[in-house]
Amino acid sequence: TEELRTLEYSQRLRDRQRNVMVPAAGSVGDALYFGAAKGGAQALARDAGRIEVGALADLVAIDTTDPA
C-alpha cells in the first residue's frame, strides 16, 4: 500500500496536478489497486488479479461497526 501511495504522490509532484494516474472521472485508489493486482497476476503467470463472477478470490470483509 505504501509503495502505491508513493507512486501516486510522485506522479502528482512531477505533473503538479491531482488524479494523474486515472482517466478523468476515475478513482485513483481503484486504478492503483487493480493495476497492482493485474501486474502481480501477470508476473506470476496466473489468471488472477481481478474480482468478478466466476473468478477465484481471497477476500476479507471487516465490520468496522463492531469492535469485537
PDB file of N, CA and C in Angstrom:
ATOM      1  N   THR A   1       0.819  -1.191   0.000  1.00  0.00           N
ATOM      2  CA  THR A   1       0.000   0.000   0.000  1.00  0.00           C
ATOM      3  C   THR A   1       0.866   1.258   0.000  1.00  0.00           C
ATOM      4  N   GLU A   2       1.881   1.251   0.827  1.00  0.00           N
ATOM      5  CA  GLU A   2       2.745   2.431   0.903  1.00  0.00           C
ATOM      6  C   GLU A   2       3.455   2.697  -0.426  1.00  0.00           C
ATOM      7  N   GLU A   3       3.849   1.638  -1.117  1.00  0.00           N
ATOM      8  CA  GLU A   3       4.507   1.811  -2.412  1.00  0.00           C
ATOM      9  C   GLU A   3       3.558   2.443  -3.429  1.00  0.00           C
ATOM     10  N   LEU A   4       2.286   2.016  -3.416  1.00  0.00           N
ATOM     11  CA  LEU A   4       1.303   2.597  -4.335  1.00  0.00           C
ATOM     12  C   LEU A   4       1.059   4.065  -4.013  1.00  0.00           C
ATOM     13  N   ARG A   5       1.001   4.371  -2.727  1.00  0.00           N
ATOM     14  CA  ARG A   5       0.801   5.763  -2.313  1.00  0.00           C
ATOM     15  C   ARG A   5       1.985   6.626  -2.765  1.00  0.00           C
ATOM     16  N   THR A   6       3.191   6.105  -2.605  1.00  0.00           N
ATOM     17  CA  THR A   6       4.384   6.841  -3.019  1.00  0.00           C
ATOM     18  C   THR A   6       4.414   7.044  -4.531  1.00  0.00           C
ATOM     19  N   LEU A   7       4.035   6.014  -5.282  1.00  0.00           N
ATOM     20  CA  LEU A   7       3.975   6.133  -6.741  1.00  0.00           C
ATOM     21  C   LEU A   7       3.015   7.241  -7.158  1.00  0.00           C
ATOM     22  N   GLU A   8       1.817   7.226  -6.595  1.00  0.00           N
ATOM     23  CA  GLU A   8       0.809   8.227  -6.961  1.00  0.00           C
ATOM     24  C   GLU A   8       1.273   9.624  -6.563  1.00  0.00           C
ATOM     25  N   TYR A   9       1.866   9.744  -5.381  1.00  0.00           N
ATOM     26  CA  TYR A   9       2.341  11.047  -4.904  1.00  0.00           C
ATOM     27  C   TYR A   9       3.460  11.581  -5.795  1.00  0.00           C
ATOM     28  N   SER A  10       4.377  10.708  -6.206  1.00  0.00           N
ATOM     29  CA  SER A  10       5.480  11.162  -7.058  1.00  0.00           C
ATOM     30  C   SER A  10       4.966  11.649  -8.416  1.00  0.00           C
ATOM     31  N   GLN A  11       3.918  10.998  -8.931  1.00  0.00           N
ATOM     32  CA  GLN A  11       3.337  11.437 -10.204  1.00  0.00           C
ATOM     33  C   GLN A  11       2.643  12.786 -10.045  1.00  0.00           C
ATOM     34  N   ARG A  12       2.022  12.993  -8.891  1.00  0.00           N
ATOM     35  CA  ARG A  12       1.385  14.289  -8.626  1.00  0.00           C
ATOM     36  C   ARG A  12       2.428  15.396  -8.558  1.00  0.00           C
ATOM     37  N   LEU A  13       3.553  15.105  -7.901  1.00  0.00           N
ATOM     38  CA  LEU A  13       4.622  16.102  -7.814  1.00  0.00           C
ATOM     39  C   LEU A  13       5.208  16.403  -9.193  1.00  0.00           C
ATOM     40  N   ARG A  14       5.426  15.356  -9.978  1.00  0.00           N
ATOM     41  CA  ARG A  14       6.009  15.530 -11.313  1.00  0.00           C
ATOM     42  C   ARG A  14       5.122  16.398 -12.200  1.00  0.00           C
ATOM     43  N   ASP A  15       3.813  16.091 -12.206  1.00  0.00           N
ATOM     44  CA  ASP A  15       2.885  16.780 -13.103  1.00  0.00           C
ATOM     45  C   ASP A  15       2.236  18.016 -12.484  1.00  0.00           C
ATOM     46  N   ARG A  16       2.413  18.186 -11.183  1.00  0.00           N
ATOM     47  CA  ARG A  16       1.829  19.315 -10.443  1.00  0.00           C
ATOM     48  C   ARG A  16       0.322  19.405 -10.615  1.00  0.00           C
ATOM     49  N   GLN A  17      -0.320  18.255 -10.536  1.00  0.00           N
ATOM     50  CA  GLN A  17      -1.785  18.191 -10.567  1.00  0.00           C
ATOM     51  C   GLN A  17      -2.237  16.892  -9.910  1.00  0.00           C
ATOM     52  N   ARG A  18      -3.517  16.822  -9.605  1.00  0.00           N
ATOM     53  CA  ARG A  18      -4.079  15.648  -8.939  1.00  0.00           C
ATOM     54  C   ARG A  18      -4.649  14.671  -9.949  1.00  0.00           C
ATOM     55  N   ASN A  19      -4.874  13.434  -9.482  1.00  0.00           N
ATOM     56  CA  ASN A  19      -5.506  12.379 -10.284  1.00  0.00           C
ATOM     57  C   ASN A  19      -4.825  12.178 -11.634  1.00  0.00           C
ATOM     58  N   VAL A  20      -3.517  12.104 -11.640  1.00  0.00           N
ATOM     59  CA  VAL A  20      -2.781  11.951 -12.895  1.00  0.00           C
ATOM     60  C   VAL A  20      -2.692  10.499 -13.354  1.00  0.00           C
ATOM     61  N   MET A  21      -3.034   9.560 -12.498  1.00  0.00           N
ATOM     62  CA  MET A  21      -2.878   8.143 -12.826  1.00  0.00           C
ATOM     63  C   MET A  21      -4.154   7.496 -13.354  1.00  0.00           C
ATOM     64  N   VAL A  22      -5.240   8.274 -13.476  1.00  0.00           N
ATOM     65  CA  VAL A  22      -6.523   7.698 -13.883  1.00  0.00           C
ATOM     66  C   VAL A  22      -7.209   8.568 -14.932  1.00  0.00           C
ATOM     67  N   PRO A  23      -8.186   7.978 -15.650  1.00  0.00           N
ATOM     68  CA  PRO A  23      -8.992   8.788 -16.572  1.00  0.00           C
ATOM     69  C   PRO A  23      -9.760   9.875 -15.815  1.00  0.00           C
ATOM     70  N   ALA A  24     -10.345  10.782 -16.520  1.00  0.00           N
ATOM     71  CA  ALA A  24     -10.982  11.979 -15.962  1.00  0.00           C
ATOM     72  C   ALA A  24     -11.877  11.730 -14.749  1.00  0.00           C
ATOM     73  N   ALA A  25     -12.766  10.766 -14.804  1.00  0.00           N
ATOM     74  CA  ALA A  25     -13.719  10.581 -13.710  1.00  0.00           C
ATOM     75  C   ALA A  25     -13.431   9.326 -12.885  1.00  0.00           C
ATOM     76  N   GLY A  26     -12.249   8.769 -12.994  1.00  0.00           N
ATOM     77  CA  GLY A  26     -11.939   7.521 -12.299  1.00  0.00           C
ATOM     78  C   GLY A  26     -11.481   7.724 -10.864  1.00  0.00           C
ATOM     79  N   SER A  27     -11.280   6.622 -10.175  1.00  0.00           N
ATOM     80  CA  SER A  27     -10.807   6.621  -8.798  1.00  0.00           C
ATOM     81  C   SER A  27      -9.326   6.245  -8.775  1.00  0.00           C
ATOM     82  N   VAL A  28      -8.513   7.059  -8.115  1.00  0.00           N
ATOM     83  CA  VAL A  28      -7.085   6.777  -8.007  1.00  0.00           C
ATOM     84  C   VAL A  28      -6.863   5.462  -7.267  1.00  0.00           C
ATOM     85  N   GLY A  29      -7.580   5.264  -6.167  1.00  0.00           N
ATOM     86  CA  GLY A  29      -7.431   4.031  -5.392  1.00  0.00           C
ATOM     87  C   GLY A  29      -7.749   2.794  -6.206  1.00  0.00           C
ATOM     88  N   ASP A  30      -8.854   2.835  -6.933  1.00  0.00           N
ATOM     89  CA  ASP A  30      -9.227   1.696  -7.782  1.00  0.00           C
ATOM     90  C   ASP A  30      -8.170   1.428  -8.846  1.00  0.00           C
ATOM     91  N   ALA A  31      -7.723   2.478  -9.500  1.00  0.00           N
ATOM     92  CA  ALA A  31      -6.739   2.314 -10.576  1.00  0.00           C
ATOM     93  C   ALA A  31      -5.443   1.716 -10.048  1.00  0.00           C
ATOM     94  N   LEU A  32      -4.974   2.204  -8.900  1.00  0.00           N
ATOM     95  CA  LEU A  32      -3.732   1.684  -8.333  1.00  0.00           C
ATOM     96  C   LEU A  32      -3.892   0.248  -7.865  1.00  0.00           C
ATOM     97  N   TYR A  33      -5.000  -0.057  -7.175  1.00  0.00           N
ATOM     98  CA  TYR A  33      -5.203  -1.414  -6.669  1.00  0.00           C
ATOM     99  C   TYR A  33      -5.329  -2.422  -7.812  1.00  0.00           C
ATOM    100  N   PHE A  34      -6.193  -2.138  -8.757  1.00  0.00           N
ATOM    101  CA  PHE A  34      -6.412  -3.101  -9.841  1.00  0.00           C
ATOM    102  C   PHE A  34      -5.196  -3.206 -10.759  1.00  0.00           C
ATOM    103  N   GLY A  35      -4.465  -2.119 -10.920  1.00  0.00           N
ATOM    104  CA  GLY A  35      -3.223  -2.186 -11.687  1.00  0.00           C
ATOM    105  C   GLY A  35      -2.193  -3.070 -11.006  1.00  0.00           C
ATOM    106  N   ALA A  36      -2.076  -2.939  -9.681  1.00  0.00           N
ATOM    107  CA  ALA A  36      -1.138  -3.776  -8.928  1.00  0.00           C
ATOM    108  C   ALA A  36      -1.571  -5.236  -8.946  1.00  0.00           C
ATOM    109  N   ALA A  37      -2.864  -5.488  -8.795  1.00  0.00           N
ATOM    110  CA  ALA A  37      -3.370  -6.867  -8.817  1.00  0.00           C
ATOM    111  C   ALA A  37      -3.143  -7.508 -10.182  1.00  0.00           C
ATOM    112  N   LYS A  38      -3.411  -6.767 -11.228  1.00  0.00           N
ATOM    113  CA  LYS A  38      -3.211  -7.287 -12.584  1.00  0.00           C
ATOM    114  C   LYS A  38      -1.730  -7.545 -12.856  1.00  0.00           C
ATOM    115  N   GLY A  39      -0.877  -6.625 -12.438  1.00  0.00           N
ATOM    116  CA  GLY A  39       0.564  -6.796 -12.625  1.00  0.00           C
ATOM    117  C   GLY A  39       1.112  -7.973 -11.840  1.00  0.00           C
ATOM    118  N   GLY A  40       0.609  -8.165 -10.622  1.00  0.00           N
ATOM    119  CA  GLY A  40       1.037  -9.310  -9.820  1.00  0.00           C
ATOM    120  C   GLY A  40       0.648 -10.621 -10.463  1.00  0.00           C
ATOM    121  N   ALA A  41      -0.566 -10.689 -10.974  1.00  0.00           N
ATOM    122  CA  ALA A  41      -1.024 -11.902 -11.657  1.00  0.00           C
ATOM    123  C   ALA A  41      -0.192 -12.160 -12.905  1.00  0.00           C
ATOM    124  N   GLN A  42       0.122 -11.118 -13.633  1.00  0.00           N
ATOM    125  CA  GLN A  42       0.933 -11.260 -14.845  1.00  0.00           C
ATOM    126  C   GLN A  42       2.340 -11.740 -14.490  1.00  0.00           C
ATOM    127  N   ALA A  43       2.918 -11.203 -13.418  1.00  0.00           N
ATOM    128  CA  ALA A  43       4.261 -11.606 -13.002  1.00  0.00           C
ATOM    129  C   ALA A  43       4.307 -13.072 -12.592  1.00  0.00           C
ATOM    130  N   LEU A  44       3.210 -13.575 -12.027  1.00  0.00           N
ATOM    131  CA  LEU A  44       3.138 -14.974 -11.599  1.00  0.00           C
ATOM    132  C   LEU A  44       2.597 -15.889 -12.686  1.00  0.00           C
ATOM    133  N   ALA A  45       2.284 -15.323 -13.841  1.00  0.00           N
ATOM    134  CA  ALA A  45       1.707 -16.089 -14.962  1.00  0.00           C
ATOM    135  C   ALA A  45       0.452 -16.839 -14.526  1.00  0.00           C
ATOM    136  N   ARG A  46      -0.437 -16.109 -13.828  1.00  0.00           N
ATOM    137  CA  ARG A  46      -1.679 -16.699 -13.344  1.00  0.00           C
ATOM    138  C   ARG A  46      -2.868 -15.922 -13.879  1.00  0.00           C
ATOM    139  N   ASP A  47      -3.958 -16.629 -14.033  1.00  0.00           N
ATOM    140  CA  ASP A  47      -5.209 -15.998 -14.441  1.00  0.00           C
ATOM    141  C   ASP A  47      -5.885 -15.482 -13.176  1.00  0.00           C
ATOM    142  N   ALA A  48      -5.434 -14.348 -12.700  1.00  0.00           N
ATOM    143  CA  ALA A  48      -5.926 -13.787 -11.442  1.00  0.00           C
ATOM    144  C   ALA A  48      -5.840 -12.263 -11.535  1.00  0.00           C
ATOM    145  N   GLY A  49      -5.981 -11.601 -10.391  1.00  0.00           N
ATOM    146  CA  GLY A  49      -5.827 -10.158 -10.359  1.00  0.00           C
ATOM    147  C   GLY A  49      -7.086  -9.379 -10.656  1.00  0.00           C
ATOM    148  N   ARG A  50      -8.233 -10.027 -10.474  1.00  0.00           N
ATOM    149  CA  ARG A  50      -9.486  -9.320 -10.727  1.00  0.00           C
ATOM    150  C   ARG A  50     -10.568  -9.873  -9.802  1.00  0.00           C
ATOM    151  N   ILE A  51     -11.579  -9.087  -9.588  1.00  0.00           N
ATOM    152  CA  ILE A  51     -12.738  -9.522  -8.814  1.00  0.00           C
ATOM    153  C   ILE A  51     -13.920  -9.514  -9.763  1.00  0.00           C
ATOM    154  N   GLU A  52     -14.412 -10.701 -10.096  1.00  0.00           N
ATOM    155  CA  GLU A  52     -15.567 -10.815 -10.984  1.00  0.00           C
ATOM    156  C   GLU A  52     -16.209 -12.181 -10.799  1.00  0.00           C
ATOM    157  N   VAL A  53     -17.420 -12.313 -11.261  1.00  0.00           N
ATOM    158  CA  VAL A  53     -18.171 -13.559 -11.149  1.00  0.00           C
ATOM    159  C   VAL A  53     -17.395 -14.683 -11.820  1.00  0.00           C
ATOM    160  N   GLY A  54     -17.236 -15.793 -11.091  1.00  0.00           N
ATOM    161  CA  GLY A  54     -16.566 -16.971 -11.629  1.00  0.00           C
ATOM    162  C   GLY A  54     -15.069 -17.010 -11.389  1.00  0.00           C
ATOM    163  N   ALA A  55     -14.476 -15.902 -10.954  1.00  0.00           N
ATOM    164  CA  ALA A  55     -13.034 -15.871 -10.693  1.00  0.00           C
ATOM    165  C   ALA A  55     -12.766 -16.281  -9.247  1.00  0.00           C
ATOM    166  N   LEU A  56     -11.633 -16.955  -9.030  1.00  0.00           N
ATOM    167  CA  LEU A  56     -11.227 -17.299  -7.675  1.00  0.00           C
ATOM    168  C   LEU A  56     -10.748 -16.037  -6.971  1.00  0.00           C
ATOM    169  N   ALA A  57     -10.996 -15.961  -5.654  1.00  0.00           N
ATOM    170  CA  ALA A  57     -10.574 -14.772  -4.919  1.00  0.00           C
ATOM    171  C   ALA A  57     -10.409 -15.085  -3.441  1.00  0.00           C
ATOM    172  N   ASP A  58      -9.487 -14.395  -2.800  1.00  0.00           N
ATOM    173  CA  ASP A  58      -9.332 -14.400  -1.354  1.00  0.00           C
ATOM    174  C   ASP A  58      -9.742 -13.015  -0.887  1.00  0.00           C
ATOM    175  N   LEU A  59     -10.880 -12.936  -0.221  1.00  0.00           N
ATOM    176  CA  LEU A  59     -11.406 -11.650   0.216  1.00  0.00           C
ATOM    177  C   LEU A  59     -11.656 -11.669   1.713  1.00  0.00           C
ATOM    178  N   VAL A  60     -11.569 -10.513   2.328  1.00  0.00           N
ATOM    179  CA  VAL A  60     -11.849 -10.358   3.745  1.00  0.00           C
ATOM    180  C   VAL A  60     -12.860  -9.230   3.891  1.00  0.00           C
ATOM    181  N   ALA A  61     -13.908  -9.469   4.667  1.00  0.00           N
ATOM    182  CA  ALA A  61     -14.885  -8.425   4.972  1.00  0.00           C
ATOM    183  C   ALA A  61     -14.706  -8.041   6.435  1.00  0.00           C
ATOM    184  N   ILE A  62     -14.586  -6.761   6.711  1.00  0.00           N
ATOM    185  CA  ILE A  62     -14.364  -6.280   8.066  1.00  0.00           C
ATOM    186  C   ILE A  62     -15.524  -5.388   8.462  1.00  0.00           C
ATOM    187  N   ASP A  63     -16.163  -5.739   9.575  1.00  0.00           N
ATOM    188  CA  ASP A  63     -17.261  -4.931  10.101  1.00  0.00           C
ATOM    189  C   ASP A  63     -16.666  -3.869  11.016  1.00  0.00           C
ATOM    190  N   THR A  64     -16.594  -2.643  10.556  1.00  0.00           N
ATOM    191  CA  THR A  64     -15.984  -1.571  11.341  1.00  0.00           C
ATOM    192  C   THR A  64     -16.915  -1.016  12.414  1.00  0.00           C
ATOM    193  N   THR A  65     -18.162  -1.494  12.453  1.00  0.00           N
ATOM    194  CA  THR A  65     -19.095  -1.011  13.468  1.00  0.00           C
ATOM    195  C   THR A  65     -19.077  -1.875  14.720  1.00  0.00           C
ATOM    196  N   ASP A  66     -18.414  -3.032  14.674  1.00  0.00           N
ATOM    197  CA  ASP A  66     -18.365  -3.948  15.813  1.00  0.00           C
ATOM    198  C   ASP A  66     -16.920  -4.105  16.273  1.00  0.00           C
ATOM    199  N   PRO A  67     -16.580  -3.609  17.485  1.00  0.00           N
ATOM    200  CA  PRO A  67     -15.189  -3.669  17.943  1.00  0.00           C
ATOM    201  C   PRO A  67     -14.686  -5.083  18.244  1.00  0.00           C
ATOM    202  N   ALA A  68     -15.568  -6.066  18.324  1.00  0.00           N
ATOM    203  CA  ALA A  68     -15.132  -7.443  18.614  1.00  0.00           C
ATOM    204  C   ALA A  68     -14.528  -7.979  17.380  1.00  0.00           C
TER     205      ALA A  68
END
